[in-house]
C-alpha atoms as a PDB file:
ATOM      1  CA  UNK A   1      76.203 109.097 261.459  1.00  0.00           C
ATOM      2  CA  UNK A   2      72.837 111.864 261.128  1.00  0.00           C
ATOM      3  CA  UNK A   3      74.168 115.561 261.635  1.00  0.00           C
ATOM      4  CA  UNK A   4      74.517 116.713 265.361  1.00  0.00           C
ATOM      5  CA  UNK A   5      74.487 113.260 266.301  1.00  0.00           C
ATOM      6  CA  UNK A   6      71.706 110.630 267.301  1.00  0.00           C
ATOM      7  CA  UNK A   7      70.726 112.756 270.151  1.00  0.00           C
ATOM      8  CA  UNK A   8      72.027 115.932 269.948  1.00  0.00           C
ATOM      9  CA  UNK A   9      69.820 117.064 272.975  1.00  0.00           C
ATOM     10  CA  UNK A  10      72.158 114.649 275.052  1.00  0.00           C
ATOM     11  CA  UNK A  11      75.430 115.805 273.790  1.00  0.00           C
ATOM     12  CA  UNK A  12      78.634 116.046 276.093  1.00  0.00           C
ATOM     13  CA  UNK A  13      81.562 118.939 276.169  1.00  0.00           C
ATOM     14  CA  UNK A  14      84.507 117.190 275.953  1.00  0.00           C
ATOM     15  CA  UNK A  15      85.344 118.822 279.500  1.00  0.00           C
ATOM     16  CA  UNK A  16      81.657 116.890 280.580  1.00  0.00           C
ATOM     17  CA  UNK A  17      82.805 113.863 279.452  1.00  0.00           C
ATOM     18  CA  UNK A  18      86.569 114.080 281.034  1.00  0.00           C
ATOM     19  CA  UNK A  19      85.050 114.878 284.418  1.00  0.00           C
ATOM     20  CA  UNK A  20      82.624 112.108 284.220  1.00  0.00           C
ATOM     21  CA  UNK A  21      85.638 109.342 283.359  1.00  0.00           C
ATOM     22  CA  UNK A  22      87.224 111.156 286.111  1.00  0.00           C
ATOM     23  CA  UNK A  23      86.513 113.062 288.966  1.00  0.00           C
ATOM     24  CA  UNK A  24      82.389 112.374 289.057  1.00  0.00           C
ATOM     25  CA  UNK A  25      83.380 108.863 288.490  1.00  0.00           C
ATOM     26  CA  UNK A  26      85.535 108.532 291.822  1.00  0.00           C
ATOM     27  CA  UNK A  27      82.767 110.472 293.296  1.00  0.00           C
ATOM     28  CA  UNK A  28      79.702 108.313 292.305  1.00  0.00           C
ATOM     29  CA  UNK A  29      82.235 104.725 293.733  1.00  0.00           C
ATOM     30  CA  UNK A  30      82.547 106.875 297.225  1.00  0.00           C
ATOM     31  CA  UNK A  31      86.267 106.902 295.808  1.00  0.00           C
ATOM     32  CA  UNK A  32      87.014 110.779 295.796  1.00  0.00           C
ATOM     33  CA  UNK A  33      89.831 110.988 298.170  1.00  0.00           C
ATOM     34  CA  UNK A  34      92.181 108.813 296.131  1.00  0.00           C
ATOM     35  CA  UNK A  35      90.908 108.646 293.015  1.00  0.00           C
ATOM     36  CA  UNK A  36      89.554 110.884 289.997  1.00  0.00           C
ATOM     37  CA  UNK A  37      92.353 113.719 289.862  1.00  0.00           C
ATOM     38  CA  UNK A  38      96.277 113.970 289.873  1.00  0.00           C
ATOM     39  CA  UNK A  39      97.216 115.311 293.491  1.00  0.00           C
ATOM     40  CA  UNK A  40      99.676 114.522 295.670  1.00  0.00           C
ATOM     41  CA  UNK A  41      98.349 111.572 297.785  1.00  0.00           C
ATOM     42  CA  UNK A  42      95.899 110.062 295.128  1.00  0.00           C
ATOM     43  CA  UNK A  43      96.839 107.020 292.827  1.00  0.00           C
ATOM     44  CA  UNK A  44      98.381 108.415 289.893  1.00  0.00           C
ATOM     45  CA  UNK A  45      96.972 106.549 286.661  1.00  0.00           C
ATOM     46  CA  UNK A  46      97.253 108.274 283.573  1.00  0.00           C
ATOM     47  CA  UNK A  47      98.231 108.338 280.111  1.00  0.00           C
ATOM     48  CA  UNK A  48     100.138 111.195 278.251  1.00  0.00           C
ATOM     49  CA  UNK A  49      98.663 111.980 274.531  1.00  0.00           C
ATOM     50  CA  UNK A  50     100.481 113.072 271.295  1.00  0.00           C
ATOM     51  CA  UNK A  51      98.288 116.464 271.218  1.00  0.00           C
ATOM     52  CA  UNK A  52      95.651 117.967 273.707  1.00  0.00           C
ATOM     53  CA  UNK A  53      92.407 116.291 272.782  1.00  0.00           C
ATOM     54  CA  UNK A  54      91.136 119.059 274.521  1.00  0.00           C
ATOM     55  CA  UNK A  55      91.363 121.650 271.688  1.00  0.00           C
ATOM     56  CA  UNK A  56      92.050 120.092 268.895  1.00  0.00           C
ATOM     57  CA  UNK A  57      89.420 121.956 266.206  1.00  0.00           C
ATOM     58  CA  UNK A  58      88.439 118.801 263.946  1.00  0.00           C
ATOM     59  CA  UNK A  59      86.945 116.170 266.489  1.00  0.00           C
ATOM     60  CA  UNK A  60      87.631 113.659 263.935  1.00  0.00           C
ATOM     61  CA  UNK A  61      91.586 114.130 264.749  1.00  0.00           C
ATOM     62  CA  UNK A  62      90.932 112.954 267.879  1.00  0.00           C
ATOM     63  CA  UNK A  63      90.797 109.211 266.434  1.00  0.00           C
ATOM     64  CA  UNK A  64      94.364 110.524 265.583  1.00  0.00           C
ATOM     65  CA  UNK A  65      95.686 110.486 268.638  1.00  0.00           C
ATOM     66  CA  UNK A  66      98.701 108.338 270.385  1.00  0.00           C
ATOM     67  CA  UNK A  67      99.346 107.758 273.421  1.00  0.00           C
ATOM     68  CA  UNK A  68     103.099 108.264 274.450  1.00  0.00           C
ATOM     69  CA  UNK A  69     103.103 106.773 277.686  1.00  0.00           C
ATOM     70  CA  UNK A  70     101.087 105.335 280.307  1.00  0.00           C
ATOM     71  CA  UNK A  71     101.580 105.219 284.543  1.00  0.00           C
ATOM     72  CA  UNK A  72      99.995 103.184 286.792  1.00  0.00           C
ATOM     73  CA  UNK A  73     100.418 103.904 290.249  1.00  0.00           C
ATOM     74  CA  UNK A  74     102.731 106.895 289.363  1.00  0.00           C
ATOM     75  CA  UNK A  75     104.853 104.138 287.562  1.00  0.00           C
ATOM     76  CA  UNK A  76     105.712 104.161 284.018  1.00  0.00           C
ATOM     77  CA  UNK A  77     104.193 101.128 282.874  1.00  0.00           C
ATOM     78  CA  UNK A  78     104.578 102.259 279.106  1.00  0.00           C
ATOM     79  CA  UNK A  79     106.155 104.333 276.816  1.00  0.00           C
ATOM     80  CA  UNK A  80     106.654 104.598 273.043  1.00  0.00           C
ATOM     81  CA  UNK A  81     110.184 105.000 272.308  1.00  0.00           C
ATOM     82  CA  UNK A  82     112.039 105.945 274.713  1.00  0.00           C
ATOM     83  CA  UNK A  83     110.708 109.230 275.120  1.00  0.00           C
ATOM     84  CA  UNK A  84     109.603 108.356 278.763  1.00  0.00           C
ATOM     85  CA  UNK A  85     113.003 106.728 279.638  1.00  0.00           C
ATOM     86  CA  UNK A  86     113.662 106.736 283.117  1.00  0.00           C
ATOM     87  CA  UNK A  87     117.491 106.109 282.662  1.00  0.00           C
ATOM     88  CA  UNK A  88     119.647 103.733 284.504  1.00  0.00           C
ATOM     89  CA  UNK A  89     121.712 103.845 286.962  1.00  0.00           C
ATOM     90  CA  UNK A  90     125.004 105.771 285.926  1.00  0.00           C
ATOM     91  CA  UNK A  91     122.718 107.652 283.150  1.00  0.00           C
ATOM     92  CA  UNK A  92     123.593 111.346 283.366  1.00  0.00           C
ATOM     93  CA  UNK A  93     120.458 111.937 281.279  1.00  0.00           C
ATOM     94  CA  UNK A  94     118.003 114.079 284.038  1.00  0.00           C
ATOM     95  CA  UNK A  95     114.284 112.613 284.386  1.00  0.00           C
ATOM     96  CA  UNK A  96     111.846 114.956 282.049  1.00  0.00           C
ATOM     97  CA  UNK A  97     110.395 117.539 284.039  1.00  0.00           C
ATOM     98  CA  UNK A  98     106.826 118.521 283.549  1.00  0.00           C
ATOM     99  CA  UNK A  99     107.353 121.014 281.075  1.00  0.00           C
ATOM    100  CA  UNK A 100     109.599 118.409 278.824  1.00  0.00           C
ATOM    101  CA  UNK A 101     106.201 116.170 278.703  1.00  0.00           C
END
């Protein structure tokens, strides 16, 4: 790949790319009231990653990012290991808080 990419004038920041796949995508589909951001009353489809790809200094390291958990409609559908275990009835382990995730 050429230095600076194929079309350096068309480069997006990470924030612009993320917004394009979330808020702007929902807006383009006339679904901004149901999709596009994590808010009460909206569908909660999201992943939890092992790093904040918005702040990784070396862009090549973004490719090393691992998905720790996937939530569809607010429900856990995939978890790497038991870090996001919901617990079973009688289990004394409390659910993870936002700060622990």
